[in-house]
């Protein structure tokens, strides 16, 4: 990770990561999140550079547009981030199995 990336907030880094993993431009993401076309790209750019952080309602809209849980945008744990990125693609059955596996005490 570059020094510039190190200075950005976790939110800024995760937003860019999620957007790029979905193959969206900043403008496309902004529009999908309900922003006007004229401001979509500059606002997402400011969020990703860590200049501004959106209010919680916009965070929910961005997460919905990206198809991710809002928690992904704030987790510093890389393993948890991977789980959260995949969470929306799991079936209810798979989600239940994963939670059950996590709740089951390890056998010795």
PDB file of N, CA and C in Angstrom:
ATOM      1  N   UNK A   1       0.845  -1.174   0.000  1.00  0.00           N
ATOM      2  CA  UNK A   1       0.000   0.000   0.000  1.00  0.00           C
ATOM      3  C   UNK A   1       0.891   1.238   0.000  1.00  0.00           C
ATOM      4  N   UNK A   2       0.550   2.228  -0.789  1.00  0.00           N
ATOM      5  CA  UNK A   2       1.361   3.442  -0.870  1.00  0.00           C
ATOM      6  C   UNK A   2       1.165   4.298   0.371  1.00  0.00           C
ATOM      7  N   UNK A   3       2.079   5.236   0.566  1.00  0.00           N
ATOM      8  CA  UNK A   3       1.967   6.128   1.726  1.00  0.00           C
ATOM      9  C   UNK A   3       0.705   6.972   1.636  1.00  0.00           C
ATOM     10  N   UNK A   4       0.324   7.388   0.433  1.00  0.00           N
ATOM     11  CA  UNK A   4      -0.900   8.178   0.276  1.00  0.00           C
ATOM     12  C   UNK A   4      -2.114   7.369   0.703  1.00  0.00           C
ATOM     13  N   UNK A   5      -2.141   6.096   0.328  1.00  0.00           N
ATOM     14  CA  UNK A   5      -3.269   5.238   0.702  1.00  0.00           C
ATOM     15  C   UNK A   5      -3.311   5.031   2.207  1.00  0.00           C
ATOM     16  N   UNK A   6      -2.148   4.990   2.853  1.00  0.00           N
ATOM     17  CA  UNK A   6      -2.080   4.807   4.295  1.00  0.00           C
ATOM     18  C   UNK A   6      -2.745   5.956   5.043  1.00  0.00           C
ATOM     19  N   UNK A   7      -2.723   7.141   4.471  1.00  0.00           N
ATOM     20  CA  UNK A   7      -3.271   8.321   5.126  1.00  0.00           C
ATOM     21  C   UNK A   7      -4.782   8.443   4.948  1.00  0.00           C
ATOM     22  N   UNK A   8      -5.337   7.752   3.980  1.00  0.00           N
ATOM     23  CA  UNK A   8      -6.783   7.813   3.778  1.00  0.00           C
ATOM     24  C   UNK A   8      -7.489   7.024   4.874  1.00  0.00           C
ATOM     25  N   UNK A   9      -8.718   7.399   5.167  1.00  0.00           N
ATOM     26  CA  UNK A   9      -9.501   6.672   6.160  1.00  0.00           C
ATOM     27  C   UNK A   9      -9.826   5.277   5.640  1.00  0.00           C
ATOM     28  N   UNK A  10     -10.148   4.404   6.565  1.00  0.00           N
ATOM     29  CA  UNK A  10     -10.546   3.047   6.163  1.00  0.00           C
ATOM     30  C   UNK A  10     -11.771   3.124   5.255  1.00  0.00           C
ATOM     31  N   UNK A  11     -12.687   4.046   5.552  1.00  0.00           N
ATOM     32  CA  UNK A  11     -13.876   4.209   4.710  1.00  0.00           C
ATOM     33  C   UNK A  11     -13.471   4.535   3.280  1.00  0.00           C
ATOM     34  N   UNK A  12     -12.562   5.483   3.109  1.00  0.00           N
ATOM     35  CA  UNK A  12     -12.125   5.892   1.766  1.00  0.00           C
ATOM     36  C   UNK A  12     -11.520   4.716   1.012  1.00  0.00           C
ATOM     37  N   UNK A  13     -10.669   3.953   1.683  1.00  0.00           N
ATOM     38  CA  UNK A  13     -10.028   2.802   1.024  1.00  0.00           C
ATOM     39  C   UNK A  13     -11.040   1.722   0.677  1.00  0.00           C
ATOM     40  N   UNK A  14     -11.935   1.414   1.606  1.00  0.00           N
ATOM     41  CA  UNK A  14     -12.923   0.355   1.360  1.00  0.00           C
ATOM     42  C   UNK A  14     -13.903   0.757   0.253  1.00  0.00           C
ATOM     43  N   UNK A  15     -14.292   2.027   0.218  1.00  0.00           N
ATOM     44  CA  UNK A  15     -15.208   2.476  -0.828  1.00  0.00           C
ATOM     45  C   UNK A  15     -14.579   2.274  -2.206  1.00  0.00           C
ATOM     46  N   UNK A  16     -13.333   2.691  -2.350  1.00  0.00           N
ATOM     47  CA  UNK A  16     -12.642   2.515  -3.631  1.00  0.00           C
ATOM     48  C   UNK A  16     -12.493   1.032  -3.962  1.00  0.00           C
ATOM     49  N   UNK A  17     -12.150   0.235  -2.963  1.00  0.00           N
ATOM     50  CA  UNK A  17     -11.995  -1.211  -3.175  1.00  0.00           C
ATOM     51  C   UNK A  17     -13.295  -1.837  -3.670  1.00  0.00           C
ATOM     52  N   UNK A  18     -14.398  -1.511  -3.015  1.00  0.00           N
ATOM     53  CA  UNK A  18     -15.695  -2.082  -3.400  1.00  0.00           C
ATOM     54  C   UNK A  18     -16.116  -1.604  -4.787  1.00  0.00           C
ATOM     55  N   UNK A  19     -15.917  -0.319  -5.068  1.00  0.00           N
ATOM     56  CA  UNK A  19     -16.301   0.223  -6.367  1.00  0.00           C
ATOM     57  C   UNK A  19     -15.512  -0.448  -7.487  1.00  0.00           C
ATOM     58  N   UNK A  20     -14.214  -0.566  -7.291  1.00  0.00           N
ATOM     59  CA  UNK A  20     -13.374  -1.182  -8.317  1.00  0.00           C
ATOM     60  C   UNK A  20     -13.690  -2.662  -8.488  1.00  0.00           C
ATOM     61  N   UNK A  21     -14.006  -3.351  -7.383  1.00  0.00           N
ATOM     62  CA  UNK A  21     -14.340  -4.776  -7.492  1.00  0.00           C
ATOM     63  C   UNK A  21     -15.643  -4.990  -8.250  1.00  0.00           C
ATOM     64  N   UNK A  22     -16.488  -3.963  -8.273  1.00  0.00           N
ATOM     65  CA  UNK A  22     -17.757  -4.047  -9.015  1.00  0.00           C
ATOM     66  C   UNK A  22     -17.621  -3.499 -10.430  1.00  0.00           C
ATOM     67  N   UNK A  23     -16.444  -2.970 -10.757  1.00  0.00           N
ATOM     68  CA  UNK A  23     -16.197  -2.464 -12.106  1.00  0.00           C
ATOM     69  C   UNK A  23     -16.948  -1.188 -12.436  1.00  0.00           C
ATOM     70  N   UNK A  24     -17.160  -0.346 -11.422  1.00  0.00           N
ATOM     71  CA  UNK A  24     -17.900   0.899 -11.631  1.00  0.00           C
ATOM     72  C   UNK A  24     -16.961   2.093 -11.638  1.00  0.00           C
ATOM     73  N   UNK A  25     -17.323   3.100 -12.403  1.00  0.00           N
ATOM     74  CA  UNK A  25     -16.614   4.372 -12.330  1.00  0.00           C
ATOM     75  C   UNK A  25     -17.167   5.134 -11.135  1.00  0.00           C
ATOM     76  N   UNK A  26     -16.473   6.189 -10.739  1.00  0.00           N
ATOM     77  CA  UNK A  26     -16.968   7.014  -9.645  1.00  0.00           C
ATOM     78  C   UNK A  26     -18.316   7.627 -10.005  1.00  0.00           C
ATOM     79  N   UNK A  27     -18.462   8.080 -11.235  1.00  0.00           N
ATOM     80  CA  UNK A  27     -19.721   8.675 -11.677  1.00  0.00           C
ATOM     81  C   UNK A  27     -20.857   7.649 -11.633  1.00  0.00           C
ATOM     82  N   UNK A  28     -20.589   6.441 -12.115  1.00  0.00           N
ATOM     83  CA  UNK A  28     -21.622   5.397 -12.111  1.00  0.00           C
ATOM     84  C   UNK A  28     -22.081   5.081 -10.694  1.00  0.00           C
ATOM     85  N   UNK A  29     -21.132   4.946  -9.777  1.00  0.00           N
ATOM     86  CA  UNK A  29     -21.495   4.654  -8.400  1.00  0.00           C
ATOM     87  C   UNK A  29     -22.338   5.783  -7.807  1.00  0.00           C
ATOM     88  N   UNK A  30     -21.913   7.009  -8.026  1.00  0.00           N
ATOM     89  CA  UNK A  30     -22.660   8.142  -7.493  1.00  0.00           C
ATOM     90  C   UNK A  30     -24.098   8.172  -7.988  1.00  0.00           C
ATOM     91  N   UNK A  31     -24.279   7.946  -9.274  1.00  0.00           N
ATOM     92  CA  UNK A  31     -25.628   7.940  -9.842  1.00  0.00           C
ATOM     93  C   UNK A  31     -26.448   6.782  -9.279  1.00  0.00           C
ATOM     94  N   UNK A  32     -25.847   5.600  -9.185  1.00  0.00           N
ATOM     95  CA  UNK A  32     -26.549   4.448  -8.606  1.00  0.00           C
ATOM     96  C   UNK A  32     -26.955   4.698  -7.151  1.00  0.00           C
ATOM     97  N   UNK A  33     -26.174   5.536  -6.457  1.00  0.00           N
ATOM     98  CA  UNK A  33     -26.463   5.853  -5.059  1.00  0.00           C
ATOM     99  C   UNK A  33     -27.445   7.024  -4.926  1.00  0.00           C
ATOM    100  N   UNK A  34     -27.907   7.545  -6.054  1.00  0.00           N
ATOM    101  CA  UNK A  34     -28.932   8.584  -6.016  1.00  0.00           C
ATOM    102  C   UNK A  34     -28.435  10.009  -6.152  1.00  0.00           C
ATOM    103  N   UNK A  35     -27.184  10.179  -6.528  1.00  0.00           N
ATOM    104  CA  UNK A  35     -26.645  11.531  -6.715  1.00  0.00           C
ATOM    105  C   UNK A  35     -26.984  12.052  -8.102  1.00  0.00           C
ATOM    106  N   UNK A  36     -27.024  13.380  -8.213  1.00  0.00           N
ATOM    107  CA  UNK A  36     -27.211  14.003  -9.521  1.00  0.00           C
ATOM    108  C   UNK A  36     -25.965  13.731 -10.374  1.00  0.00           C
ATOM    109  N   UNK A  37     -26.162  13.563 -11.665  1.00  0.00           N
ATOM    110  CA  UNK A  37     -25.077  13.230 -12.587  1.00  0.00           C
ATOM    111  C   UNK A  37     -23.923  14.225 -12.479  1.00  0.00           C
ATOM    112  N   UNK A  38     -24.233  15.511 -12.344  1.00  0.00           N
ATOM    113  CA  UNK A  38     -23.209  16.549 -12.337  1.00  0.00           C
ATOM    114  C   UNK A  38     -22.282  16.463 -11.124  1.00  0.00           C
ATOM    115  N   UNK A  39     -22.770  15.945 -10.005  1.00  0.00           N
ATOM    116  CA  UNK A  39     -21.960  15.927  -8.784  1.00  0.00           C
ATOM    117  C   UNK A  39     -21.480  14.535  -8.408  1.00  0.00           C
ATOM    118  N   UNK A  40     -21.959  13.516  -9.094  1.00  0.00           N
ATOM    119  CA  UNK A  40     -21.667  12.131  -8.715  1.00  0.00           C
ATOM    120  C   UNK A  40     -20.170  11.830  -8.679  1.00  0.00           C
ATOM    121  N   UNK A  41     -19.474  12.092  -9.755  1.00  0.00           N
ATOM    122  CA  UNK A  41     -18.048  11.767  -9.816  1.00  0.00           C
ATOM    123  C   UNK A  41     -17.224  12.578  -8.813  1.00  0.00           C
ATOM    124  N   UNK A  42     -17.411  13.902  -8.746  1.00  0.00           N
ATOM    125  CA  UNK A  42     -16.614  14.662  -7.779  1.00  0.00           C
ATOM    126  C   UNK A  42     -16.869  14.256  -6.321  1.00  0.00           C
ATOM    127  N   UNK A  43     -18.118  13.945  -5.981  1.00  0.00           N
ATOM    128  CA  UNK A  43     -18.411  13.562  -4.597  1.00  0.00           C
ATOM    129  C   UNK A  43     -17.793  12.220  -4.247  1.00  0.00           C
ATOM    130  N   UNK A  44     -17.905  11.235  -5.148  1.00  0.00           N
ATOM    131  CA  UNK A  44     -17.296   9.932  -4.874  1.00  0.00           C
ATOM    132  C   UNK A  44     -15.780  10.088  -4.798  1.00  0.00           C
ATOM    133  N   UNK A  45     -15.232  10.920  -5.665  1.00  0.00           N
ATOM    134  CA  UNK A  45     -13.792  11.169  -5.638  1.00  0.00           C
ATOM    135  C   UNK A  45     -13.366  11.747  -4.287  1.00  0.00           C
ATOM    136  N   UNK A  46     -14.133  12.674  -3.761  1.00  0.00           N
ATOM    137  CA  UNK A  46     -13.814  13.262  -2.455  1.00  0.00           C
ATOM    138  C   UNK A  46     -13.926  12.226  -1.340  1.00  0.00           C
ATOM    139  N   UNK A  47     -14.932  11.358  -1.429  1.00  0.00           N
ATOM    140  CA  UNK A  47     -15.072  10.292  -0.429  1.00  0.00           C
ATOM    141  C   UNK A  47     -13.866   9.352  -0.483  1.00  0.00           C
ATOM    142  N   UNK A  48     -13.464   8.973  -1.691  1.00  0.00           N
ATOM    143  CA  UNK A  48     -12.363   8.018  -1.853  1.00  0.00           C
ATOM    144  C   UNK A  48     -11.001   8.627  -1.502  1.00  0.00           C
ATOM    145  N   UNK A  49     -10.868   9.917  -1.610  1.00  0.00           N
ATOM    146  CA  UNK A  49      -9.615  10.571  -1.217  1.00  0.00           C
ATOM    147  C   UNK A  49      -9.606  10.898   0.271  1.00  0.00           C
ATOM    148  N   UNK A  50     -10.730  10.708   0.929  1.00  0.00           N
ATOM    149  CA  UNK A  50     -10.815  10.982   2.360  1.00  0.00           C
ATOM    150  C   UNK A  50     -11.000  12.449   2.689  1.00  0.00           C
ATOM    151  N   UNK A  51     -11.375  13.247   1.685  1.00  0.00           N
ATOM    152  CA  UNK A  51     -11.602  14.676   1.898  1.00  0.00           C
ATOM    153  C   UNK A  51     -12.881  14.874   2.714  1.00  0.00           C
ATOM    154  N   UNK A  52     -13.911  14.113   2.371  1.00  0.00           N
ATOM    155  CA  UNK A  52     -15.194  14.152   3.077  1.00  0.00           C
ATOM    156  C   UNK A  52     -15.649  12.724   3.329  1.00  0.00           C
ATOM    157  N   UNK A  53     -16.443  12.538   4.368  1.00  0.00           N
ATOM    158  CA  UNK A  53     -17.073  11.251   4.624  1.00  0.00           C
ATOM    159  C   UNK A  53     -18.582  11.487   4.648  1.00  0.00           C
ATOM    160  N   UNK A  54     -19.329  10.650   3.938  1.00  0.00           N
ATOM    161  CA  UNK A  54     -20.766  10.890   3.836  1.00  0.00           C
ATOM    162  C   UNK A  54     -21.507  10.617   5.146  1.00  0.00           C
ATOM    163  N   UNK A  55     -22.699  11.157   5.220  1.00  0.00           N
ATOM    164  CA  UNK A  55     -23.587  10.881   6.353  1.00  0.00           C
ATOM    165  C   UNK A  55     -24.077   9.449   6.247  1.00  0.00           C
ATOM    166  N   UNK A  56     -24.630   8.954   7.334  1.00  0.00           N
ATOM    167  CA  UNK A  56     -25.014   7.536   7.391  1.00  0.00           C
ATOM    168  C   UNK A  56     -26.040   7.157   6.324  1.00  0.00           C
ATOM    169  N   UNK A  57     -26.967   8.044   6.002  1.00  0.00           N
ATOM    170  CA  UNK A  57     -27.958   7.719   4.966  1.00  0.00           C
ATOM    171  C   UNK A  57     -27.279   7.485   3.618  1.00  0.00           C
ATOM    172  N   UNK A  58     -26.272   8.309   3.288  1.00  0.00           N
ATOM    173  CA  UNK A  58     -25.560   8.141   2.024  1.00  0.00           C
ATOM    174  C   UNK A  58     -24.693   6.891   2.065  1.00  0.00           C
ATOM    175  N   UNK A  59     -24.117   6.571   3.223  1.00  0.00           N
ATOM    176  CA  UNK A  59     -23.333   5.340   3.346  1.00  0.00           C
ATOM    177  C   UNK A  59     -24.224   4.148   3.009  1.00  0.00           C
ATOM    178  N   UNK A  60     -25.449   4.142   3.518  1.00  0.00           N
ATOM    179  CA  UNK A  60     -26.387   3.046   3.227  1.00  0.00           C
ATOM    180  C   UNK A  60     -26.703   2.984   1.746  1.00  0.00           C
ATOM    181  N   UNK A  61     -26.882   4.147   1.106  1.00  0.00           N
ATOM    182  CA  UNK A  61     -27.165   4.176  -0.326  1.00  0.00           C
ATOM    183  C   UNK A  61     -25.974   3.680  -1.139  1.00  0.00           C
ATOM    184  N   UNK A  62     -24.781   4.069  -0.741  1.00  0.00           N
ATOM    185  CA  UNK A  62     -23.576   3.610  -1.441  1.00  0.00           C
ATOM    186  C   UNK A  62     -23.428   2.099  -1.298  1.00  0.00           C
ATOM    187  N   UNK A  63     -23.614   1.597  -0.076  1.00  0.00           N
ATOM    188  CA  UNK A  63     -23.502   0.150   0.155  1.00  0.00           C
ATOM    189  C   UNK A  63     -24.543  -0.607  -0.665  1.00  0.00           C
ATOM    190  N   UNK A  64     -25.770  -0.088  -0.693  1.00  0.00           N
ATOM    191  CA  UNK A  64     -26.821  -0.740  -1.474  1.00  0.00           C
ATOM    192  C   UNK A  64     -26.461  -0.746  -2.960  1.00  0.00           C
ATOM    193  N   UNK A  65     -25.956   0.365  -3.463  1.00  0.00           N
ATOM    194  CA  UNK A  65     -25.558   0.454  -4.873  1.00  0.00           C
ATOM    195  C   UNK A  65     -24.432  -0.519  -5.193  1.00  0.00           C
ATOM    196  N   UNK A  66     -23.566  -0.759  -4.212  1.00  0.00           N
ATOM    197  CA  UNK A  66     -22.442  -1.677  -4.395  1.00  0.00           C
ATOM    198  C   UNK A  66     -22.806  -3.126  -4.091  1.00  0.00           C
ATOM    199  N   UNK A  67     -23.967  -3.330  -3.481  1.00  0.00           N
ATOM    200  CA  UNK A  67     -24.389  -4.685  -3.135  1.00  0.00           C
ATOM    201  C   UNK A  67     -23.577  -5.274  -1.994  1.00  0.00           C
ATOM    202  N   UNK A  68     -23.220  -4.429  -1.036  1.00  0.00           N
ATOM    203  CA  UNK A  68     -22.416  -4.867   0.104  1.00  0.00           C
ATOM    204  C   UNK A  68     -23.056  -4.401   1.404  1.00  0.00           C
ATOM    205  N   UNK A  69     -22.741  -5.058   2.518  1.00  0.00           N
ATOM    206  CA  UNK A  69     -23.197  -4.547   3.809  1.00  0.00           C
ATOM    207  C   UNK A  69     -22.426  -3.263   4.153  1.00  0.00           C
ATOM    208  N   UNK A  70     -23.082  -2.271   4.733  1.00  0.00           N
ATOM    209  CA  UNK A  70     -22.382  -1.046   5.110  1.00  0.00           C
ATOM    210  C   UNK A  70     -21.172  -1.305   6.013  1.00  0.00           C
ATOM    211  N   UNK A  71     -21.222  -2.351   6.808  1.00  0.00           N
ATOM    212  CA  UNK A  71     -20.109  -2.669   7.716  1.00  0.00           C
ATOM    213  C   UNK A  71     -18.796  -2.863   6.960  1.00  0.00           C
ATOM    214  N   UNK A  72     -18.871  -3.332   5.714  1.00  0.00           N
ATOM    215  CA  UNK A  72     -17.654  -3.528   4.920  1.00  0.00           C
ATOM    216  C   UNK A  72     -16.852  -2.233   4.821  1.00  0.00           C
ATOM    217  N   UNK A  73     -17.560  -1.124   4.713  1.00  0.00           N
ATOM    218  CA  UNK A  73     -16.906   0.163   4.498  1.00  0.00           C
ATOM    219  C   UNK A  73     -16.134   0.667   5.716  1.00  0.00           C
ATOM    220  N   UNK A  74     -16.314   0.000   6.853  1.00  0.00           N
ATOM    221  CA  UNK A  74     -15.656   0.463   8.080  1.00  0.00           C
ATOM    222  C   UNK A  74     -14.727  -0.562   8.732  1.00  0.00           C
ATOM    223  N   UNK A  75     -14.729  -1.799   8.253  1.00  0.00           N
ATOM    224  CA  UNK A  75     -13.902  -2.799   8.923  1.00  0.00           C
ATOM    225  C   UNK A  75     -12.436  -2.664   8.550  1.00  0.00           C
ATOM    226  N   UNK A  76     -11.592  -2.748   9.565  1.00  0.00           N
ATOM    227  CA  UNK A  76     -10.147  -2.721   9.335  1.00  0.00           C
ATOM    228  C   UNK A  76      -9.590  -4.127   9.191  1.00  0.00           C
ATOM    229  N   UNK A  77     -10.378  -5.127   9.530  1.00  0.00           N
ATOM    230  CA  UNK A  77      -9.970  -6.531   9.486  1.00  0.00           C
ATOM    231  C   UNK A  77     -10.127  -7.066   8.059  1.00  0.00           C
ATOM    232  N   UNK A  78      -9.001  -7.451   7.454  1.00  0.00           N
ATOM    233  CA  UNK A  78      -9.031  -7.908   6.058  1.00  0.00           C
ATOM    234  C   UNK A  78      -9.856  -9.183   5.874  1.00  0.00           C
ATOM    235  N   UNK A  79      -9.779 -10.113   6.809  1.00  0.00           N
ATOM    236  CA  UNK A  79     -10.558 -11.353   6.688  1.00  0.00           C
ATOM    237  C   UNK A  79     -12.049 -11.064   6.797  1.00  0.00           C
ATOM    238  N   UNK A  80     -12.410 -10.221   7.747  1.00  0.00           N
ATOM    239  CA  UNK A  80     -13.820  -9.845   7.879  1.00  0.00           C
ATOM    240  C   UNK A  80     -14.294  -9.117   6.626  1.00  0.00           C
ATOM    241  N   UNK A  81     -13.452  -8.280   6.054  1.00  0.00           N
ATOM    242  CA  UNK A  81     -13.806  -7.573   4.821  1.00  0.00           C
ATOM    243  C   UNK A  81     -14.129  -8.564   3.707  1.00  0.00           C
ATOM    244  N   UNK A  82     -13.332  -9.626   3.597  1.00  0.00           N
ATOM    245  CA  UNK A  82     -13.589 -10.636   2.567  1.00  0.00           C
ATOM    246  C   UNK A  82     -14.927 -11.331   2.801  1.00  0.00           C
ATOM    247  N   UNK A  83     -15.214 -11.651   4.052  1.00  0.00           N
ATOM    248  CA  UNK A  83     -16.503 -12.284   4.374  1.00  0.00           C
ATOM    249  C   UNK A  83     -17.650 -11.343   4.013  1.00  0.00           C
ATOM    250  N   UNK A  84     -17.513 -10.082   4.389  1.00  0.00           N
ATOM    251  CA  UNK A  84     -18.575  -9.114   4.117  1.00  0.00           C
ATOM    252  C   UNK A  84     -18.787  -8.887   2.624  1.00  0.00           C
ATOM    253  N   UNK A  85     -17.720  -8.936   1.843  1.00  0.00           N
ATOM    254  CA  UNK A  85     -17.875  -8.785   0.388  1.00  0.00           C
ATOM    255  C   UNK A  85     -18.663  -9.949  -0.206  1.00  0.00           C
ATOM    256  N   UNK A  86     -18.474 -11.135   0.361  1.00  0.00           N
ATOM    257  CA  UNK A  86     -19.158 -12.316  -0.168  1.00  0.00           C
ATOM    258  C   UNK A  86     -20.544 -12.537   0.438  1.00  0.00           C
ATOM    259  N   UNK A  87     -20.790 -11.945   1.592  1.00  0.00           N
ATOM    260  CA  UNK A  87     -22.040 -12.174   2.321  1.00  0.00           C
ATOM    261  C   UNK A  87     -23.293 -12.023   1.444  1.00  0.00           C
ATOM    262  N   UNK A  88     -23.434 -10.961   0.651  1.00  0.00           N
ATOM    263  CA  UNK A  88     -24.654 -10.805  -0.154  1.00  0.00           C
ATOM    264  C   UNK A  88     -24.844 -11.897  -1.210  1.00  0.00           C
ATOM    265  N   UNK A  89     -23.778 -12.577  -1.589  1.00  0.00           N
ATOM    266  CA  UNK A  89     -23.897 -13.601  -2.627  1.00  0.00           C
ATOM    267  C   UNK A  89     -24.255 -14.974  -2.057  1.00  0.00           C
ATOM    268  N   UNK A  90     -24.191 -15.099  -0.736  1.00  0.00           N
ATOM    269  CA  UNK A  90     -24.498 -16.385  -0.106  1.00  0.00           C
ATOM    270  C   UNK A  90     -26.000 -16.600  -0.002  1.00  0.00           C
ATOM    271  N   UNK A  91     -26.407 -17.845  -0.144  1.00  0.00           N
ATOM    272  CA  UNK A  91     -27.814 -18.180   0.072  1.00  0.00           C
ATOM    273  C   UNK A  91     -28.098 -18.128   1.573  1.00  0.00           C
ATOM    274  N   UNK A  92     -29.378 -18.093   1.934  1.00  0.00           N
ATOM    275  CA  UNK A  92     -29.736 -18.107   3.359  1.00  0.00           C
ATOM    276  C   UNK A  92     -29.203 -19.368   4.028  1.00  0.00           C
ATOM    277  N   UNK A  93     -29.259 -20.465   3.309  1.00  0.00           N
ATOM    278  CA  UNK A  93     -28.772 -21.727   3.861  1.00  0.00           C
ATOM    279  C   UNK A  93     -27.283 -21.634   4.159  1.00  0.00           C
ATOM    280  N   UNK A  94     -26.510 -21.085   3.222  1.00  0.00           N
ATOM    281  CA  UNK A  94     -25.061 -20.945   3.417  1.00  0.00           C
ATOM    282  C   UNK A  94     -24.759 -19.997   4.580  1.00  0.00           C
ATOM    283  N   UNK A  95     -25.529 -18.916   4.680  1.00  0.00           N
ATOM    284  CA  UNK A  95     -25.342 -17.978   5.781  1.00  0.00           C
ATOM    285  C   UNK A  95     -25.587 -18.676   7.121  1.00  0.00           C
ATOM    286  N   UNK A  96     -26.673 -19.452   7.194  1.00  0.00           N
ATOM    287  CA  UNK A  96     -26.977 -20.183   8.434  1.00  0.00           C
ATOM    288  C   UNK A  96     -25.869 -21.179   8.761  1.00  0.00           C
ATOM    289  N   UNK A  97     -25.368 -21.878   7.742  1.00  0.00           N
ATOM    290  CA  UNK A  97     -24.295 -22.852   7.951  1.00  0.00           C
ATOM    291  C   UNK A  97     -23.031 -22.160   8.470  1.00  0.00           C
ATOM    292  N   UNK A  98     -22.722 -21.017   7.914  1.00  0.00           N
ATOM    293  CA  UNK A  98     -21.542 -20.278   8.341  1.00  0.00           C
ATOM    294  C   UNK A  98     -21.688 -19.813   9.788  1.00  0.00           C
ATOM    295  N   UNK A  99     -22.843 -19.263  10.121  1.00  0.00           N
ATOM    296  CA  UNK A  99     -23.077 -18.806  11.497  1.00  0.00           C
ATOM    297  C   UNK A  99     -23.032 -19.990  12.456  1.00  0.00           C
ATOM    298  N   UNK A 100     -23.642 -21.115  12.057  1.00  0.00           N
ATOM    299  CA  UNK A 100     -23.621 -22.306  12.913  1.00  0.00           C
ATOM    300  C   UNK A 100     -22.182 -22.781  13.140  1.00  0.00           C
ATOM    301  N   UNK A 101     -21.391 -22.783  12.082  1.00  0.00           N
ATOM    302  CA  UNK A 101     -19.999 -23.214  12.198  1.00  0.00           C
ATOM    303  C   UNK A 101     -19.231 -22.280  13.146  1.00  0.00           C
ATOM    304  N   UNK A 102     -19.537 -21.003  13.088  1.00  0.00           N
ATOM    305  CA  UNK A 102     -18.863 -20.050  13.957  1.00  0.00           C
ATOM    306  C   UNK A 102     -19.292 -20.203  15.418  1.00  0.00           C
ATOM    307  N   UNK A 103     -20.533 -20.618  15.615  1.00  0.00           N
ATOM    308  CA  UNK A 103     -21.067 -20.766  16.981  1.00  0.00           C
ATOM    309  C   UNK A 103     -20.751 -22.116  17.605  1.00  0.00           C
ATOM    310  N   UNK A 104     -20.353 -23.076  16.790  1.00  0.00           N
ATOM    311  CA  UNK A 104     -20.055 -24.420  17.290  1.00  0.00           C
ATOM    312  C   UNK A 104     -18.680 -24.403  17.952  1.00  0.00           C
ATOM    313  N   UNK A 105     -18.616 -24.846  19.218  1.00  0.00           N
ATOM    314  CA  UNK A 105     -17.310 -24.871  19.885  1.00  0.00           C
ATOM    315  C   UNK A 105     -16.379 -25.855  19.183  1.00  0.00           C
ATOM    316  N   UNK A 106     -15.106 -25.517  19.125  1.00  0.00           N
ATOM    317  CA  UNK A 106     -14.158 -26.420  18.478  1.00  0.00           C
ATOM    318  C   UNK A 106     -14.032 -27.724  19.276  1.00  0.00           C
ATOM    319  N   UNK A 107     -13.870 -28.813  18.556  1.00  0.00           N
ATOM    320  CA  UNK A 107     -13.676 -30.117  19.217  1.00  0.00           C
ATOM    321  C   UNK A 107     -12.200 -30.326  19.455  1.00  0.00           C
ATOM    322  N   UNK A 108     -11.913 -31.050  20.514  1.00  0.00           N
ATOM    323  CA  UNK A 108     -10.492 -31.301  20.857  1.00  0.00           C
ATOM    324  C   UNK A 108     -10.082 -32.674  20.436  1.00  0.00           C
TER     325      UNK A 108
END
